[in-house]
PDB file of N, CA and C in Angstrom:
ATOM      1  N   MET A   1      11.770  -5.158  -7.990  1.00  0.00           N
ATOM      2  CA  MET A   1      10.280  -5.668  -8.445  1.00  0.00           C
ATOM      3  C   MET A   1      10.174  -6.265  -7.004  1.00  0.00           C
ATOM      4  N   VAL A   2       9.032  -5.564  -6.951  1.00  0.00           N
ATOM      5  CA  VAL A   2       7.865  -5.915  -6.102  1.00  0.00           C
ATOM      6  C   VAL A   2       6.955  -7.180  -6.954  1.00  0.00           C
ATOM      7  N   LYS A   3       6.601  -8.235  -6.417  1.00  0.00           N
ATOM      8  CA  LYS A   3       5.557  -8.953  -6.603  1.00  0.00           C
ATOM      9  C   LYS A   3       4.289  -8.634  -4.860  1.00  0.00           C
ATOM     10  N   VAL A   4       2.875  -8.569  -5.779  1.00  0.00           N
ATOM     11  CA  VAL A   4       1.719  -8.453  -5.558  1.00  0.00           C
ATOM     12  C   VAL A   4       0.851  -9.969  -5.552  1.00  0.00           C
ATOM     13  N   LYS A   5       0.347  -9.980  -4.003  1.00  0.00           N
ATOM     14  CA  LYS A   5      -0.847 -11.044  -5.394  1.00  0.00           C
ATOM     15  C   LYS A   5      -2.750 -10.459  -4.947  1.00  0.00           C
ATOM     16  N   ILE A   6      -2.695 -10.261  -6.018  1.00  0.00           N
ATOM     17  CA  ILE A   6      -4.421 -10.404  -5.707  1.00  0.00           C
ATOM     18  C   ILE A   6      -5.636 -11.126  -6.069  1.00  0.00           C
ATOM     19  N   ASN A   7      -6.161 -11.662  -5.628  1.00  0.00           N
ATOM     20  CA  ASN A   7      -7.843 -12.805  -5.885  1.00  0.00           C
ATOM     21  C   ASN A   7      -7.026 -13.886  -6.825  1.00  0.00           C
ATOM     22  N   ASN A   8      -5.516 -14.399  -6.236  1.00  0.00           N
ATOM     23  CA  ASN A   8      -5.005 -14.897  -6.696  1.00  0.00           C
ATOM     24  C   ASN A   8      -4.272 -15.141  -8.174  1.00  0.00           C
ATOM     25  N   LYS A   9      -3.893 -13.371  -8.510  1.00  0.00           N
ATOM     26  CA  LYS A   9      -3.231 -13.164  -9.260  1.00  0.00           C
ATOM     27  C   LYS A   9      -1.956 -12.602  -9.209  1.00  0.00           C
ATOM     28  N   THR A  10      -0.797 -12.960  -8.741  1.00  0.00           N
ATOM     29  CA  THR A  10       0.680 -12.596  -8.902  1.00  0.00           C
ATOM     30  C   THR A  10       0.938 -11.403 -10.061  1.00  0.00           C
ATOM     31  N   TYR A  11       1.256 -10.468  -9.506  1.00  0.00           N
ATOM     32  CA  TYR A  11       1.547  -9.245 -10.301  1.00  0.00           C
ATOM     33  C   TYR A  11       3.137  -8.863 -10.040  1.00  0.00           C
ATOM     34  N   ASN A  12       3.341  -8.212 -10.907  1.00  0.00           N
ATOM     35  CA  ASN A  12       5.420  -7.948 -11.400  1.00  0.00           C
ATOM     36  C   ASN A  12       4.881  -6.380 -10.898  1.00  0.00           C
ATOM     37  N   VAL A  13       5.200  -5.767  -9.380  1.00  0.00           N
ATOM     38  CA  VAL A  13       5.322  -3.979  -9.921  1.00  0.00           C
ATOM     39  C   VAL A  13       6.600  -3.873  -9.951  1.00  0.00           C
ATOM     40  N   GLY A  14       7.004  -3.367 -11.195  1.00  0.00           N
ATOM     41  CA  GLY A  14       8.445  -2.089 -10.679  1.00  0.00           C
ATOM     42  C   GLY A  14       8.105  -0.952 -10.332  1.00  0.00           C
ATOM     43  N   GLU A  15       9.568  -0.463 -10.388  1.00  0.00           N
ATOM     44  CA  GLU A  15       9.151   1.090  -9.997  1.00  0.00           C
ATOM     45  C   GLU A  15       8.660   1.961  -9.751  1.00  0.00           C
ATOM     46  N   LEU A  16       8.142   2.619  -8.692  1.00  0.00           N
ATOM     47  CA  LEU A  16       6.909   3.805  -9.031  1.00  0.00           C
ATOM     48  C   LEU A  16       7.575   5.115  -9.991  1.00  0.00           C
ATOM     49  N   GLU A  17       7.208   5.558 -10.395  1.00  0.00           N
ATOM     50  CA  GLU A  17       7.448   6.499 -10.721  1.00  0.00           C
ATOM     51  C   GLU A  17       6.761   7.696 -11.225  1.00  0.00           C
ATOM     52  N   PHE A  18       7.021   9.190 -11.468  1.00  0.00           N
ATOM     53  CA  PHE A  18       5.411   9.978 -11.606  1.00  0.00           C
ATOM     54  C   PHE A  18       4.625   9.780 -12.157  1.00  0.00           C
ATOM     55  N   LYS A  19       4.336   9.001 -13.783  1.00  0.00           N
ATOM     56  CA  LYS A  19       3.068   8.811 -14.274  1.00  0.00           C
ATOM     57  C   LYS A  19       2.458   8.037 -13.114  1.00  0.00           C
ATOM     58  N   ASP A  20       2.866   7.144 -11.803  1.00  0.00           N
ATOM     59  CA  ASP A  20       2.774   6.721 -10.845  1.00  0.00           C
ATOM     60  C   ASP A  20       2.054   7.166 -10.107  1.00  0.00           C
ATOM     61  N   TYR A  21       2.471   7.585  -9.212  1.00  0.00           N
ATOM     62  CA  TYR A  21       2.103   9.056  -8.371  1.00  0.00           C
ATOM     63  C   TYR A  21       0.721   9.701  -9.393  1.00  0.00           C
ATOM     64  N   THR A  22       0.342  10.596 -11.037  1.00  0.00           N
ATOM     65  CA  THR A  22      -0.167  11.437 -10.687  1.00  0.00           C
ATOM     66  C   THR A  22      -1.696   9.968 -10.812  1.00  0.00           C
ATOM     67  N   HIS A  23      -0.755   8.616 -11.567  1.00  0.00           N
ATOM     68  CA  HIS A  23      -2.822   8.648 -11.452  1.00  0.00           C
ATOM     69  C   HIS A  23      -2.992   7.755 -10.595  1.00  0.00           C
ATOM     70  N   MET A  24      -2.436   7.390  -9.537  1.00  0.00           N
ATOM     71  CA  MET A  24      -3.421   7.796  -8.007  1.00  0.00           C
ATOM     72  C   MET A  24      -4.095   8.764  -7.947  1.00  0.00           C
ATOM     73  N   GLU A  25      -3.135   9.707  -7.956  1.00  0.00           N
ATOM     74  CA  GLU A  25      -3.808  11.515  -7.072  1.00  0.00           C
ATOM     75  C   GLU A  25      -5.053  12.477  -8.523  1.00  0.00           C
ATOM     76  N   GLU A  26      -5.208  11.261  -9.275  1.00  0.00           N
ATOM     77  CA  GLU A  26      -6.241  11.270 -10.210  1.00  0.00           C
ATOM     78  C   GLU A  26      -7.831  10.242 -10.056  1.00  0.00           C
ATOM     79  N   GLN A  27      -7.174   9.447  -9.151  1.00  0.00           N
ATOM     80  CA  GLN A  27      -8.578   9.217  -8.444  1.00  0.00           C
ATOM     81  C   GLN A  27      -9.016   9.732  -7.299  1.00  0.00           C
ATOM     82  N   GLY A  28      -8.930  11.106  -7.017  1.00  0.00           N
ATOM     83  CA  GLY A  28      -9.520  12.050  -5.661  1.00  0.00           C
ATOM     84  C   GLY A  28      -8.798  11.935  -4.797  1.00  0.00           C
ATOM     85  N   PHE A  29      -7.869  11.695  -4.322  1.00  0.00           N
ATOM     86  CA  PHE A  29      -7.384  11.158  -3.532  1.00  0.00           C
ATOM     87  C   PHE A  29      -5.760  12.062  -3.258  1.00  0.00           C
ATOM     88  N   SER A  30      -5.206  12.953  -1.784  1.00  0.00           N
ATOM     89  CA  SER A  30      -3.823  13.280  -2.421  1.00  0.00           C
ATOM     90  C   SER A  30      -2.981  12.445  -1.370  1.00  0.00           C
ATOM     91  N   ILE A  31      -2.179  11.535  -2.100  1.00  0.00           N
ATOM     92  CA  ILE A  31      -1.228  10.080  -1.522  1.00  0.00           C
ATOM     93  C   ILE A  31      -0.296  10.973  -0.421  1.00  0.00           C
ATOM     94  N   VAL A  32      -0.098  11.878  -0.469  1.00  0.00           N
ATOM     95  CA  VAL A  32       0.722  12.507   1.345  1.00  0.00           C
ATOM     96  C   VAL A  32      -0.292  13.158   2.455  1.00  0.00           C
ATOM     97  N   ASN A  33      -1.962  13.244   1.367  1.00  0.00           N
ATOM     98  CA  ASN A  33      -2.298  12.867   3.130  1.00  0.00           C
ATOM     99  C   ASN A  33      -2.615  11.865   3.635  1.00  0.00           C
ATOM    100  N   ALA A  34      -2.992  11.333   2.659  1.00  0.00           N
ATOM    101  CA  ALA A  34      -3.332   9.298   2.628  1.00  0.00           C
ATOM    102  C   ALA A  34      -2.163   9.023   3.325  1.00  0.00           C
ATOM    103  N   PHE A  35      -1.612   8.979   2.748  1.00  0.00           N
ATOM    104  CA  PHE A  35      -0.426   8.338   3.979  1.00  0.00           C
ATOM    105  C   PHE A  35       0.213   8.980   5.695  1.00  0.00           C
ATOM    106  N   SER A  36       0.007  10.517   5.406  1.00  0.00           N
ATOM    107  CA  SER A  36       1.069  10.765   6.446  1.00  0.00           C
ATOM    108  C   SER A  36      -0.797  10.011   7.453  1.00  0.00           C
ATOM    109  N   LYS A  37      -2.045  10.498   7.033  1.00  0.00           N
ATOM    110  CA  LYS A  37      -3.267   9.896   7.580  1.00  0.00           C
ATOM    111  C   LYS A  37      -3.336   8.225   8.250  1.00  0.00           C
ATOM    112  N   ASN A  38      -2.322   7.683   7.732  1.00  0.00           N
ATOM    113  CA  ASN A  38      -3.219   5.859   7.516  1.00  0.00           C
ATOM    114  C   ASN A  38      -4.011   5.885   6.907  1.00  0.00           C
ATOM    115  N   GLN A  39      -4.437   6.553   6.039  1.00  0.00           N
ATOM    116  CA  GLN A  39      -5.519   6.409   4.761  1.00  0.00           C
ATOM    117  C   GLN A  39      -5.434   4.255   4.561  1.00  0.00           C
ATOM    118  N   PHE A  40      -4.938   3.734   5.413  1.00  0.00           N
ATOM    119  CA  PHE A  40      -3.960   2.668   4.210  1.00  0.00           C
ATOM    120  C   PHE A  40      -5.946   1.728   2.388  1.00  0.00           C
ATOM    121  N   MET A  41      -6.340   1.846   3.062  1.00  0.00           N
ATOM    122  CA  MET A  41      -7.946   1.776   2.470  1.00  0.00           C
ATOM    123  C   MET A  41      -8.086   2.888   0.875  1.00  0.00           C
ATOM    124  N   LEU A  42      -7.523   4.251   1.134  1.00  0.00           N
ATOM    125  CA  LEU A  42      -6.370   4.370   0.062  1.00  0.00           C
ATOM    126  C   LEU A  42      -5.916   4.594  -0.662  1.00  0.00           C
ATOM    127  N   ILE A  43      -4.501   4.614   0.095  1.00  0.00           N
ATOM    128  CA  ILE A  43      -3.290   3.797  -0.347  1.00  0.00           C
ATOM    129  C   ILE A  43      -4.177   2.173  -1.680  1.00  0.00           C
ATOM    130  N   ALA A  44      -4.345   1.611  -0.756  1.00  0.00           N
ATOM    131  CA  ALA A  44      -4.406   0.333  -1.088  1.00  0.00           C
ATOM    132  C   ALA A  44      -4.894   0.609  -2.623  1.00  0.00           C
ATOM    133  N   MET A  45      -6.691   1.502  -2.340  1.00  0.00           N
ATOM    134  CA  MET A  45      -7.519   1.005  -3.675  1.00  0.00           C
ATOM    135  C   MET A  45      -6.227   2.068  -4.847  1.00  0.00           C
ATOM    136  N   GLY A  46      -5.292   3.058  -3.959  1.00  0.00           N
ATOM    137  CA  GLY A  46      -4.309   4.065  -5.400  1.00  0.00           C
ATOM    138  C   GLY A  46      -3.170   2.650  -5.991  1.00  0.00           C
ATOM    139  N   PHE A  47      -2.907   2.500  -5.319  1.00  0.00           N
ATOM    140  CA  PHE A  47      -1.769   1.194  -5.786  1.00  0.00           C
ATOM    141  C   PHE A  47      -2.565   0.351  -6.652  1.00  0.00           C
ATOM    142  N   VAL A  48      -3.669  -0.923  -5.949  1.00  0.00           N
ATOM    143  CA  VAL A  48      -4.310  -1.416  -7.272  1.00  0.00           C
ATOM    144  C   VAL A  48      -5.097  -1.046  -9.048  1.00  0.00           C
ATOM    145  N   CYS A  49      -4.908   0.237  -9.046  1.00  0.00           N
ATOM    146  CA  CYS A  49      -5.141   1.104  -9.699  1.00  0.00           C
ATOM    147  C   CYS A  49      -4.413   1.457 -10.521  1.00  0.00           C
ATOM    148  N   VAL A  50      -2.570   1.854 -10.151  1.00  0.00           N
ATOM    149  CA  VAL A  50      -1.594   1.442 -10.240  1.00  0.00           C
ATOM    150  C   VAL A  50      -1.325   0.372 -11.821  1.00  0.00           C
ATOM    151  N   ILE A  51      -1.326  -1.021 -10.102  1.00  0.00           N
ATOM    152  CA  ILE A  51      -0.993  -2.537 -10.454  1.00  0.00           C
ATOM    153  C   ILE A  51      -1.723  -2.690 -12.051  1.00  0.00           C
ATOM    154  N   LEU A  52      -3.293  -2.272 -11.828  1.00  0.00           N
ATOM    155  CA  LEU A  52      -4.078  -2.590 -13.229  1.00  0.00           C
ATOM    156  C   LEU A  52      -4.276  -1.858 -13.909  1.00  0.00           C
ATOM    157  N   GLY A  53      -3.682  -0.869 -13.784  1.00  0.00           N
ATOM    158  CA  GLY A  53      -3.809   0.555 -14.636  1.00  0.00           C
ATOM    159  C   GLY A  53      -6.262   0.493 -14.668  1.00  0.00           C
ATOM    160  N   CYS A  54      -6.010   0.907 -13.238  1.00  0.00           N
ATOM    161  CA  CYS A  54      -7.111   0.460 -13.465  1.00  0.00           C
ATOM    162  C   CYS A  54      -8.410   2.761 -13.176  1.00  0.00           C
ATOM    163  N   ASP A  55      -9.446   2.968 -12.986  1.00  0.00           N
ATOM    164  CA  ASP A  55      -9.905   3.714 -11.676  1.00  0.00           C
ATOM    165  C   ASP A  55     -10.698   2.858 -10.699  1.00  0.00           C
ATOM    166  N   ARG A  56     -10.778   4.262 -10.106  1.00  0.00           N
ATOM    167  CA  ARG A  56     -10.777   3.859  -8.902  1.00  0.00           C
ATOM    168  C   ARG A  56     -12.154   3.317  -8.142  1.00  0.00           C
ATOM    169  N   ASP A  57     -13.113   2.899  -9.254  1.00  0.00           N
ATOM    170  CA  ASP A  57     -14.611   2.046  -9.529  1.00  0.00           C
ATOM    171  C   ASP A  57     -14.393   0.106  -9.660  1.00  0.00           C
ATOM    172  N   TYR A  58     -12.770  -0.181 -10.214  1.00  0.00           N
ATOM    173  CA  TYR A  58     -12.704  -1.323 -10.537  1.00  0.00           C
ATOM    174  C   TYR A  58     -11.756  -1.733  -9.707  1.00  0.00           C
ATOM    175  N   ALA A  59     -11.402  -0.860  -9.294  1.00  0.00           N
ATOM    176  CA  ALA A  59     -10.019  -1.119  -8.331  1.00  0.00           C
ATOM    177  C   ALA A  59     -10.070  -1.286  -7.135  1.00  0.00           C
ATOM    178  N   GLU A  60     -11.906  -0.621  -7.345  1.00  0.00           N
ATOM    179  CA  GLU A  60     -12.600  -0.959  -5.594  1.00  0.00           C
ATOM    180  C   GLU A  60     -13.305  -1.655  -5.287  1.00  0.00           C
ATOM    181  N   THR A  61     -13.880  -2.368  -6.549  1.00  0.00           N
ATOM    182  CA  THR A  61     -14.434  -3.517  -7.110  1.00  0.00           C
ATOM    183  C   THR A  61     -13.166  -5.086  -6.249  1.00  0.00           C
ATOM    184  N   VAL A  62     -12.368  -5.151  -7.142  1.00  0.00           N
ATOM    185  CA  VAL A  62     -11.102  -5.039  -6.993  1.00  0.00           C
ATOM    186  C   VAL A  62     -11.259  -5.772  -5.440  1.00  0.00           C
ATOM    187  N   ILE A  63     -10.892  -5.285  -4.831  1.00  0.00           N
ATOM    188  CA  ILE A  63      -9.949  -5.072  -4.004  1.00  0.00           C
ATOM    189  C   ILE A  63     -11.128  -5.449  -2.698  1.00  0.00           C
ATOM    190  N   GLN A  64     -12.356  -5.343  -3.502  1.00  0.00           N
ATOM    191  CA  GLN A  64     -13.846  -6.503  -2.714  1.00  0.00           C
ATOM    192  C   GLN A  64     -13.529  -7.744  -2.490  1.00  0.00           C
ATOM    193  N   GLN A  65     -13.466  -7.568  -4.050  1.00  0.00           N
ATOM    194  CA  GLN A  65     -13.596  -9.343  -4.650  1.00  0.00           C
ATOM    195  C   GLN A  65     -11.706 -10.131  -3.691  1.00  0.00           C
ATOM    196  N   HIS A  66     -10.771  -9.621  -3.552  1.00  0.00           N
ATOM    197  CA  HIS A  66      -9.710 -10.121  -2.533  1.00  0.00           C
ATOM    198  C   HIS A  66     -10.766  -9.893  -1.384  1.00  0.00           C
ATOM    199  N   VAL A  67     -10.493  -8.824  -0.789  1.00  0.00           N
ATOM    200  CA  VAL A  67     -10.747  -9.399   0.828  1.00  0.00           C
ATOM    201  C   VAL A  67     -12.038 -10.955   0.681  1.00  0.00           C
ATOM    202  N   LEU A  68     -13.061 -10.407   0.396  1.00  0.00           N
ATOM    203  CA  LEU A  68     -14.629 -11.330  -0.253  1.00  0.00           C
ATOM    204  C   LEU A  68     -13.674 -12.648   0.063  1.00  0.00           C
ATOM    205  N   GLY A  69     -12.431 -13.077  -1.124  1.00  0.00           N
ATOM    206  CA  GLY A  69     -12.322 -14.506  -1.854  1.00  0.00           C
ATOM    207  C   GLY A  69     -11.152 -14.967  -0.337  1.00  0.00           C
ATOM    208  N   GLY A  70     -10.522 -14.025   0.644  1.00  0.00           N
ATOM    209  CA  GLY A  70      -9.829 -14.723   1.424  1.00  0.00           C
ATOM    210  C   GLY A  70      -8.831 -13.322   1.663  1.00  0.00           C
ATOM    211  N   GLY A  71      -8.360 -12.375   0.674  1.00  0.00           N
ATOM    212  CA  GLY A  71      -7.267 -11.703   0.578  1.00  0.00           C
ATOM    213  C   GLY A  71      -7.183 -11.361   1.922  1.00  0.00           C
ATOM    214  N   ASN A  72      -6.393 -10.587   2.036  1.00  0.00           N
ATOM    215  CA  ASN A  72      -5.340  -9.363   2.954  1.00  0.00           C
ATOM    216  C   ASN A  72      -6.233  -7.672   2.367  1.00  0.00           C
ATOM    217  N   VAL A  73      -5.968  -7.024   2.771  1.00  0.00           N
ATOM    218  CA  VAL A  73      -5.972  -5.342   2.332  1.00  0.00           C
ATOM    219  C   VAL A  73      -4.340  -5.592   2.475  1.00  0.00           C
ATOM    220  N   ARG A  74      -4.178  -5.696   3.753  1.00  0.00           N
ATOM    221  CA  ARG A  74      -3.176  -5.708   4.555  1.00  0.00           C
ATOM    222  C   ARG A  74      -1.358  -6.036   3.817  1.00  0.00           C
ATOM    223  N   ASP A  75      -1.856  -7.244   3.079  1.00  0.00           N
ATOM    224  CA  ASP A  75      -0.782  -7.693   1.887  1.00  0.00           C
ATOM    225  C   ASP A  75      -0.199  -6.418   0.940  1.00  0.00           C
ATOM    226  N   ILE A  76      -2.200  -5.637   0.847  1.00  0.00           N
ATOM    227  CA  ILE A  76      -1.024  -4.456  -0.481  1.00  0.00           C
ATOM    228  C   ILE A  76      -0.934  -3.413  -0.272  1.00  0.00           C
ATOM    229  N   THR A  77      -1.679  -2.936   0.943  1.00  0.00           N
ATOM    230  CA  THR A  77      -0.523  -1.741   0.775  1.00  0.00           C
ATOM    231  C   THR A  77       1.294  -2.502   1.414  1.00  0.00           C
ATOM    232  N   SER A  78       1.264  -3.494   2.266  1.00  0.00           N
ATOM    233  CA  SER A  78       2.929  -4.268   2.845  1.00  0.00           C
ATOM    234  C   SER A  78       3.655  -4.159   1.490  1.00  0.00           C
ATOM    235  N   ALA A  79       3.111  -3.875   0.543  1.00  0.00           N
ATOM    236  CA  ALA A  79       3.525  -4.598  -1.128  1.00  0.00           C
ATOM    237  C   ALA A  79       3.555  -2.915  -1.401  1.00  0.00           C
ATOM    238  N   PHE A  80       2.682  -2.372  -0.863  1.00  0.00           N
ATOM    239  CA  PHE A  80       2.507  -0.637  -1.748  1.00  0.00           C
ATOM    240  C   PHE A  80       4.879   0.498  -0.854  1.00  0.00           C
ATOM    241  N   ALA A  81       4.946  -0.477   0.183  1.00  0.00           N
ATOM    242  CA  ALA A  81       5.399   0.338   1.059  1.00  0.00           C
ATOM    243  C   ALA A  81       6.556  -0.429   0.578  1.00  0.00           C
ATOM    244  N   GLU A  82       7.116  -1.658  -0.044  1.00  0.00           N
ATOM    245  CA  GLU A  82       8.401  -2.451  -0.821  1.00  0.00           C
ATOM    246  C   GLU A  82       8.195  -1.541  -1.729  1.00  0.00           C
ATOM    247  N   ALA A  83       7.124  -1.147  -2.160  1.00  0.00           N
ATOM    248  CA  ALA A  83       7.668  -0.243  -4.036  1.00  0.00           C
ATOM    249  C   ALA A  83       8.079   0.740  -3.533  1.00  0.00           C
ATOM    250  N   VAL A  84       7.757   1.945  -2.367  1.00  0.00           N
ATOM    251  CA  VAL A  84       7.591   3.041  -2.211  1.00  0.00           C
ATOM    252  C   VAL A  84       9.625   2.472  -1.830  1.00  0.00           C
ATOM    253  N   ALA A  85       9.871   1.325  -0.438  1.00  0.00           N
ATOM    254  CA  ALA A  85      11.176   1.699  -0.364  1.00  0.00           C
ATOM    255  C   ALA A  85      12.498   1.347  -1.969  1.00  0.00           C
ATOM    256  N   GLU A  86      11.755   0.711  -3.297  1.00  0.00           N
ATOM    257  CA  GLU A  86      12.363   0.905  -3.935  1.00  0.00           C
ATOM    258  C   GLU A  86      11.725   1.933  -4.615  1.00  0.00           C
ATOM    259  N   SER A  87      11.655   3.372  -4.630  1.00  0.00           N
ATOM    260  CA  SER A  87      11.631   4.603  -5.463  1.00  0.00           C
ATOM    261  C   SER A  87      12.091   5.541  -4.828  1.00  0.00           C
ATOM    262  N   ASP A  88      12.906   6.106  -5.605  1.00  0.00           N
ATOM    263  CA  ASP A  88      13.507   7.699  -4.939  1.00  0.00           C
ATOM    264  C   ASP A  88      12.895   8.934  -5.328  1.00  0.00           C
ATOM    265  N   PHE A  89      11.505   8.075  -6.325  1.00  0.00           N
ATOM    266  CA  PHE A  89      10.781   9.589  -6.550  1.00  0.00           C
ATOM    267  C   PHE A  89      10.163   9.236  -5.349  1.00  0.00           C
ATOM    268  N   PHE A  90       8.963   8.617  -4.940  1.00  0.00           N
ATOM    269  CA  PHE A  90       8.438   7.804  -4.494  1.00  0.00           C
ATOM    270  C   PHE A  90       8.418   8.415  -3.366  1.00  0.00           C
ATOM    271  N   ARG A  91       9.485   8.550  -2.401  1.00  0.00           N
ATOM    272  CA  ARG A  91      10.247   8.523  -1.142  1.00  0.00           C
ATOM    273  C   ARG A  91      10.167  10.029  -1.008  1.00  0.00           C
ATOM    274  N   LYS A  92      10.749  10.722  -2.319  1.00  0.00           N
ATOM    275  CA  LYS A  92      10.863  12.004  -2.014  1.00  0.00           C
ATOM    276  C   LYS A  92       9.956  12.811  -1.846  1.00  0.00           C
ATOM    277  N   MET A  93       9.309  12.077  -2.278  1.00  0.00           N
ATOM    278  CA  MET A  93       7.597  13.682  -2.830  1.00  0.00           C
ATOM    279  C   MET A  93       6.758  12.426  -0.773  1.00  0.00           C
ATOM    280  N   LEU A  94       7.033  11.917  -0.520  1.00  0.00           N
ATOM    281  CA  LEU A  94       6.210  11.385   1.121  1.00  0.00           C
ATOM    282  C   LEU A  94       7.389  11.620   1.722  1.00  0.00           C
ATOM    283  N   GLY A  95       7.997  12.754   1.757  1.00  0.00           N
ATOM    284  CA  GLY A  95       9.221  12.439   2.304  1.00  0.00           C
ATOM    285  C   GLY A  95       9.666  11.892   3.756  1.00  0.00           C
ATOM    286  N   MET A  96       9.700  10.843   2.657  1.00  0.00           N
ATOM    287  CA  MET A  96      10.979   9.992   3.761  1.00  0.00           C
ATOM    288  C   MET A  96      12.327  10.174   3.199  1.00  0.00           C
ATOM    289  N   THR A  97      13.285   9.764   3.963  1.00  0.00           N
ATOM    290  CA  THR A  97      14.372   9.262   4.556  1.00  0.00           C
ATOM    291  C   THR A  97      15.224   8.019   3.882  1.00  0.00           C
ATOM    292  N   GLU A  98      16.154   7.484   3.473  1.00  0.00           N
ATOM    293  CA  GLU A  98      16.134   5.866   4.462  1.00  0.00           C
ATOM    294  C   GLU A  98      16.803   5.872   5.953  1.00  0.00           C
ATOM    295  N   THR A  99      16.328   6.761   6.392  1.00  0.00           N
ATOM    296  CA  THR A  99      16.084   5.902   8.563  1.00  0.00           C
ATOM    297  C   THR A  99      14.498   6.082   8.557  1.00  0.00           C
ATOM    298  N   GLU A 100      13.821   6.952   7.936  1.00  0.00           N
ATOM    299  CA  GLU A 100      12.069   6.862   8.463  1.00  0.00           C
ATOM    300  C   GLU A 100      11.561   4.980   7.335  1.00  0.00           C
ATOM    301  N   GLN A 101      12.247   5.229   6.379  1.00  0.00           N
ATOM    302  CA  GLN A 101      12.089   4.109   5.843  1.00  0.00           C
ATOM    303  C   GLN A 101      12.254   2.816   6.642  1.00  0.00           C
ATOM    304  N   GLU A 102      13.880   2.699   7.095  1.00  0.00           N
ATOM    305  CA  GLU A 102      14.320   1.484   7.801  1.00  0.00           C
ATOM    306  C   GLU A 102      13.320   1.698   9.048  1.00  0.00           C
ATOM    307  N   SER A 103      12.658   2.837   9.374  1.00  0.00           N
ATOM    308  CA  SER A 103      12.395   1.858  11.153  1.00  0.00           C
ATOM    309  C   SER A 103      10.693   2.374  10.585  1.00  0.00           C
ATOM    310  N   GLU A 104      10.870   2.179   9.794  1.00  0.00           N
ATOM    311  CA  GLU A 104       8.771   1.705   8.845  1.00  0.00           C
ATOM    312  C   GLU A 104       8.910   0.063   9.104  1.00  0.00           C
ATOM    313  N   GLU A 105       9.856   0.180   7.652  1.00  0.00           N
ATOM    314  CA  GLU A 105       9.807  -1.514   7.919  1.00  0.00           C
ATOM    315  C   GLU A 105      10.459  -2.630   8.806  1.00  0.00           C
ATOM    316  N   LEU A 106      10.886  -2.005   9.897  1.00  0.00           N
ATOM    317  CA  LEU A 106      11.142  -2.726  11.625  1.00  0.00           C
ATOM    318  C   LEU A 106       9.932  -2.736  12.118  1.00  0.00           C
ATOM    319  N   GLU A 107       9.397  -1.495  12.491  1.00  0.00           N
ATOM    320  CA  GLU A 107       8.167  -1.403  13.166  1.00  0.00           C
ATOM    321  C   GLU A 107       6.543  -2.733  12.730  1.00  0.00           C
ATOM    322  N   GLU A 108       7.489  -2.801  11.571  1.00  0.00           N
ATOM    323  CA  GLU A 108       5.712  -3.862  10.411  1.00  0.00           C
ATOM    324  C   GLU A 108       6.890  -4.736  11.064  1.00  0.00           C
ATOM    325  N   GLU A 109       7.695  -4.791  11.478  1.00  0.00           N
ATOM    326  CA  GLU A 109       7.647  -6.471  11.721  1.00  0.00           C
ATOM    327  C   GLU A 109       7.470  -7.161  13.166  1.00  0.00           C
ATOM    328  N   LYS A 110       7.603  -5.637  14.218  1.00  0.00           N
ATOM    329  CA  LYS A 110       7.328  -5.978  15.064  1.00  0.00           C
ATOM    330  C   LYS A 110       6.167  -6.565  15.824  1.00  0.00           C
ATOM    331  N   PRO A 111       6.002  -7.858  16.479  1.00  0.00           N
ATOM    332  CA  PRO A 111       4.820  -8.326  16.605  1.00  0.00           C
ATOM    333  C   PRO A 111       4.180  -7.250  17.743  1.00  0.00           C
ATOM    334  N   LYS A 112       2.291  -7.323  17.767  1.00  0.00           N
ATOM    335  CA  LYS A 112       1.432  -5.868  18.216  1.00  0.00           C
ATOM    336  C   LYS A 112       1.908  -6.671  19.669  1.00  0.00           C
ATOM    337  N   PRO A 113       1.370  -6.420  20.860  1.00  0.00           N
ATOM    338  CA  PRO A 113       1.410  -6.114  22.338  1.00  0.00           C
ATOM    339  C   PRO A 113       0.111  -7.091  22.234  1.00  0.00           C
ATOM    340  N   THR A 114       0.325  -7.689  23.055  1.00  0.00           N
ATOM    341  CA  THR A 114      -1.158  -8.512  23.619  1.00  0.00           C
ATOM    342  C   THR A 114      -1.941  -7.679  24.821  1.00  0.00           C
ATOM    343  N   LYS A 115      -2.554  -7.458  25.077  1.00  0.00           N
ATOM    344  CA  LYS A 115      -3.097  -7.884  26.268  1.00  0.00           C
ATOM    345  C   LYS A 115      -3.409  -8.596  27.467  1.00  0.00           C
ATOM    346  N   LYS A 116      -2.830  -8.945  28.446  1.00  0.00           N
ATOM    347  CA  LYS A 116      -3.627  -9.873  29.027  1.00  0.00           C
ATOM    348  C   LYS A 116      -4.858  -9.663  30.200  1.00  0.00           C
ATOM    349  N   VAL A 117      -5.822 -10.343  29.919  1.00  0.00           N
ATOM    350  CA  VAL A 117      -6.887 -10.601  31.123  1.00  0.00           C
ATOM    351  C   VAL A 117      -6.038 -10.463  31.773  1.00  0.00           C
ATOM    352  N   GLN A 118      -6.684 -10.562  33.454  1.00  0.00           N
ATOM    353  CA  GLN A 118      -6.658 -11.149  34.294  1.00  0.00           C
ATOM    354  C   GLN A 118      -8.028 -11.851  34.803  1.00  0.00           C
ATOM    355  N   ALA A 119      -7.914 -13.090  35.577  1.00  0.00           N
ATOM    356  CA  ALA A 119      -9.662 -13.821  36.255  1.00  0.00           C
ATOM    357  C   ALA A 119      -9.348 -13.076  37.400  1.00  0.00           C
ATOM    358  N   LYS A 120     -11.026 -12.824  37.395  1.00  0.00           N
ATOM    359  CA  LYS A 120     -11.268 -12.527  38.947  1.00  0.00           C
ATOM    360  C   LYS A 120     -11.501 -13.884  39.883  1.00  0.00           C
TER     361      LYS A 120
END
């Protein structure tokens, strides 16, 4: 079970299933396309729709409140990635194998390289 905190409230998310997949796609976007294009805002919105059992408009309002209140969209998308890792159905629909999932998790853990600025 995945836990995600949105607007200072913690939600427990069970294993993602077919009904969750269709609920996300009912919001007007393809999960597969959003995932392959790294459209994190769409993914976060769709995941919030599943978590709260709401529509796109309400999810967008909730995410906006979350960010304005000091939250981070990355928290939501990271929870989605964790939920996908726990869901055989979502992994198969997104064309992910165990190896791909492990490499994505490792990639998230790596610190981003920083550019060094040379003084003149």
